[in-house]
Amino acid sequence: MTFGRYFEDFEVGQVFRHWPGKTVTEYDHHLFSLLTMVRHPLHLDAHYAKTATRYEQPLVIGSYVFSLLLGLSEADVAGLAITHRGFEKIEHHAPLLHGDTLYAESEVYAKHDIPDREGRGQVGVETRGHNQDRTLVMTLRRDLVVPTRPPG
């Protein structure tokens, strides 16, 4: 299995389906929340969440979903990346709940040379996260700087 791609390996319109997915456990979510100092009861207090939301259970915090999508797409998209130049847009579409499985796919929406940086190109990628029912949970767009294929 390759880890990442060179600039020449990306084509606009190309879609990468990342596998496997990640089932989010209550432990995973609580550990992430506590490590990042999230203390909102919507994410940590099941009793509060039962009456505070229509879902009647804690919602997985978006920053964890975002982090998972980056990780799930790493081997296919960003494994060789020199840097993330920026994130254009992050959108939450539906909640992720404990026990849900997050799956990801990425589509190349832009690709161009970087004139003043020989040996590098820029690739725009939209990564989409769906749950096990194919409900769209989150989308994010980012620009990556990736190396060109070495000569020979």
Protein backbone atom coordinates (compact mmCIF):
# COMPACT_ATOMS: atom_id res chain seq x y z
CA MET A 1 0.00 0.00 0.00
CA THR A 2 1.33 3.42 -0.89
CA PHE A 3 1.21 6.22 1.64
CA GLY A 4 0.24 9.44 -0.06
CA ARG A 5 0.63 10.56 -3.66
CA TYR A 6 2.85 12.74 -5.79
CA PHE A 7 1.45 15.78 -7.59
CA GLU A 8 1.26 13.85 -10.88
CA ASP A 9 -0.93 11.18 -9.24
CA PHE A 10 -3.82 13.59 -8.62
CA GLU A 11 -6.47 14.43 -11.23
CA VAL A 12 -9.34 16.90 -10.86
CA GLY A 13 -12.55 14.94 -10.30
CA GLN A 14 -10.74 11.91 -8.90
CA VAL A 15 -12.43 10.38 -5.82
CA PHE A 16 -10.64 8.36 -3.15
CA ARG A 17 -12.77 6.18 -0.88
CA HIS A 18 -10.88 5.82 2.37
CA TRP A 19 -11.07 2.50 4.19
CA PRO A 20 -11.59 1.35 6.85
CA GLY A 21 -14.02 3.59 8.73
CA LYS A 22 -13.83 4.37 12.45
CA THR A 23 -16.53 3.48 14.96
CA VAL A 24 -16.64 6.23 17.57
CA THR A 25 -16.92 4.93 21.11
CA GLU A 26 -17.92 6.93 24.15
CA TYR A 27 -14.41 6.38 25.51
CA ASP A 28 -12.74 7.78 22.35
CA HIS A 29 -14.96 10.85 22.41
CA HIS A 30 -14.53 11.53 26.14
CA LEU A 31 -10.76 11.08 25.95
CA PHE A 32 -10.51 13.52 23.03
CA SER A 33 -12.77 16.02 24.80
CA LEU A 34 -10.83 15.86 28.04
CA LEU A 35 -7.44 16.07 26.31
CA THR A 36 -8.58 19.18 24.44
CA MET A 37 -10.24 20.66 27.54
CA VAL A 38 -13.78 20.55 26.15
CA ARG A 39 -16.16 20.70 29.09
CA HIS A 40 -19.51 21.46 27.45
CA PRO A 41 -22.17 19.15 28.91
CA LEU A 42 -23.63 18.54 25.46
CA HIS A 43 -20.59 16.36 24.79
CA LEU A 44 -19.86 14.86 28.22
CA ASP A 45 -23.06 14.72 30.30
CA ALA A 46 -25.55 12.08 29.16
CA HIS A 47 -28.22 13.29 31.59
CA TYR A 48 -27.96 16.87 30.31
CA ALA A 49 -27.91 15.77 26.66
CA LYS A 50 -31.04 13.65 27.19
CA THR A 51 -33.10 16.80 27.73
CA ALA A 52 -31.01 19.38 25.83
CA THR A 53 -31.15 17.88 22.33
CA ARG A 54 -33.64 16.13 20.11
CA TYR A 55 -31.15 13.24 19.86
CA GLU A 56 -31.39 12.62 23.64
CA GLN A 57 -27.73 11.66 23.88
CA PRO A 58 -24.31 13.32 23.79
CA LEU A 59 -23.17 14.64 20.42
CA VAL A 60 -19.63 13.90 19.25
CA ILE A 61 -17.77 17.20 19.14
CA GLY A 62 -17.03 18.49 15.64
CA SER A 63 -13.31 18.97 16.23
CA TYR A 64 -13.02 15.22 16.84
CA VAL A 65 -14.97 14.44 13.64
CA PHE A 66 -12.68 16.86 11.78
CA SER A 67 -9.58 15.15 13.23
CA LEU A 68 -10.89 11.73 12.29
CA LEU A 69 -11.54 12.81 8.70
CA LEU A 70 -7.97 14.08 8.42
CA GLY A 71 -6.66 10.80 9.79
CA LEU A 72 -8.91 8.60 7.65
CA SER A 73 -7.76 10.39 4.50
CA GLU A 74 -4.05 10.58 5.36
CA ALA A 75 -2.79 7.51 3.52
CA ASP A 76 -4.64 8.32 0.28
CA VAL A 77 -4.38 12.09 0.13
CA ALA A 78 -1.94 13.75 2.51
CA GLY A 79 0.67 11.09 3.19
CA LEU A 80 3.37 12.80 1.12
CA ALA A 81 2.11 16.35 1.71
CA ILE A 82 4.75 18.93 2.58
CA THR A 83 2.12 21.11 4.24
CA HIS A 84 -1.54 21.96 4.46
CA ARG A 85 -1.68 25.44 2.96
CA GLY A 86 -5.09 26.09 4.44
CA PHE A 87 -8.63 24.99 5.11
CA GLU A 88 -11.21 26.78 3.02
CA LYS A 89 -14.42 25.45 4.50
CA ILE A 90 -15.60 23.08 7.22
CA GLU A 91 -19.32 22.31 7.34
CA HIS A 92 -21.31 20.25 9.83
CA HIS A 93 -24.32 18.60 8.20
CA ALA A 94 -25.54 16.07 10.78
CA PRO A 95 -24.45 14.88 14.22
CA LEU A 96 -22.24 11.90 14.92
CA LEU A 97 -23.26 9.87 17.97
CA HIS A 98 -21.52 7.30 20.16
CA GLY A 99 -21.54 3.97 18.32
CA ASP A 100 -21.73 5.55 14.85
CA THR A 101 -19.11 4.61 12.28
CA LEU A 102 -17.51 7.40 10.28
CA TYR A 103 -16.48 6.71 6.69
CA ALA A 104 -14.61 9.16 4.48
CA GLU A 105 -14.01 9.94 0.83
CA SER A 106 -12.03 12.73 -0.80
CA GLU A 107 -12.46 14.39 -4.18
CA VAL A 108 -9.82 16.44 -5.95
CA TYR A 109 -11.36 19.78 -6.96
CA ALA A 110 -8.25 21.73 -8.01
CA LYS A 111 -4.65 21.15 -9.05
CA HIS A 112 -1.96 23.59 -10.15
CA ASP A 113 1.77 24.17 -10.23
CA ILE A 114 3.43 26.50 -7.75
CA PRO A 115 5.57 28.65 -10.08
CA ASP A 116 8.14 29.80 -7.53
CA ARG A 117 8.52 26.38 -5.86
CA GLU A 118 10.16 23.82 -8.12
CA GLY A 119 9.35 20.24 -7.22
CA ARG A 120 6.01 21.09 -5.63
CA GLY A 121 2.39 21.46 -6.65
CA GLN A 122 -0.84 22.42 -4.94
CA VAL A 123 -3.87 20.15 -4.77
CA GLY A 124 -7.36 21.12 -3.52
CA VAL A 125 -9.28 18.29 -1.88
CA GLU A 126 -12.79 18.07 -0.44
CA THR A 127 -13.16 15.35 2.19
CA ARG A 128 -16.64 14.13 3.08
CA GLY A 129 -17.58 12.11 6.14
CA HIS A 130 -20.66 9.89 6.22
CA ASN A 131 -22.04 7.69 8.97
CA GLN A 132 -22.94 4.02 8.57
CA ASP A 133 -26.32 5.01 7.06
CA ARG A 134 -24.58 7.19 4.41
CA THR A 135 -25.84 10.37 6.12
CA LEU A 136 -23.46 13.21 5.33
CA VAL A 137 -21.93 14.34 8.64
CA MET A 138 -19.19 16.80 7.66
CA THR A 139 -17.35 18.20 4.65
CA LEU A 140 -14.05 20.03 4.62
CA ARG A 141 -11.95 21.61 1.89
CA ARG A 142 -8.21 22.02 2.10
CA ASP A 143 -5.23 22.86 -0.03
CA LEU A 144 -2.17 20.62 0.13
CA VAL A 145 1.33 21.24 -1.12
CA VAL A 146 2.69 17.94 -2.40
CA PRO A 147 6.00 17.02 -4.04
CA THR A 148 6.31 16.27 -7.72
CA ARG A 149 7.59 12.85 -8.67
CA PRO A 150 11.40 12.69 -8.45
CA PRO A 151 13.18 12.26 -11.78
CA GLY A 152 14.08 8.73 -12.78
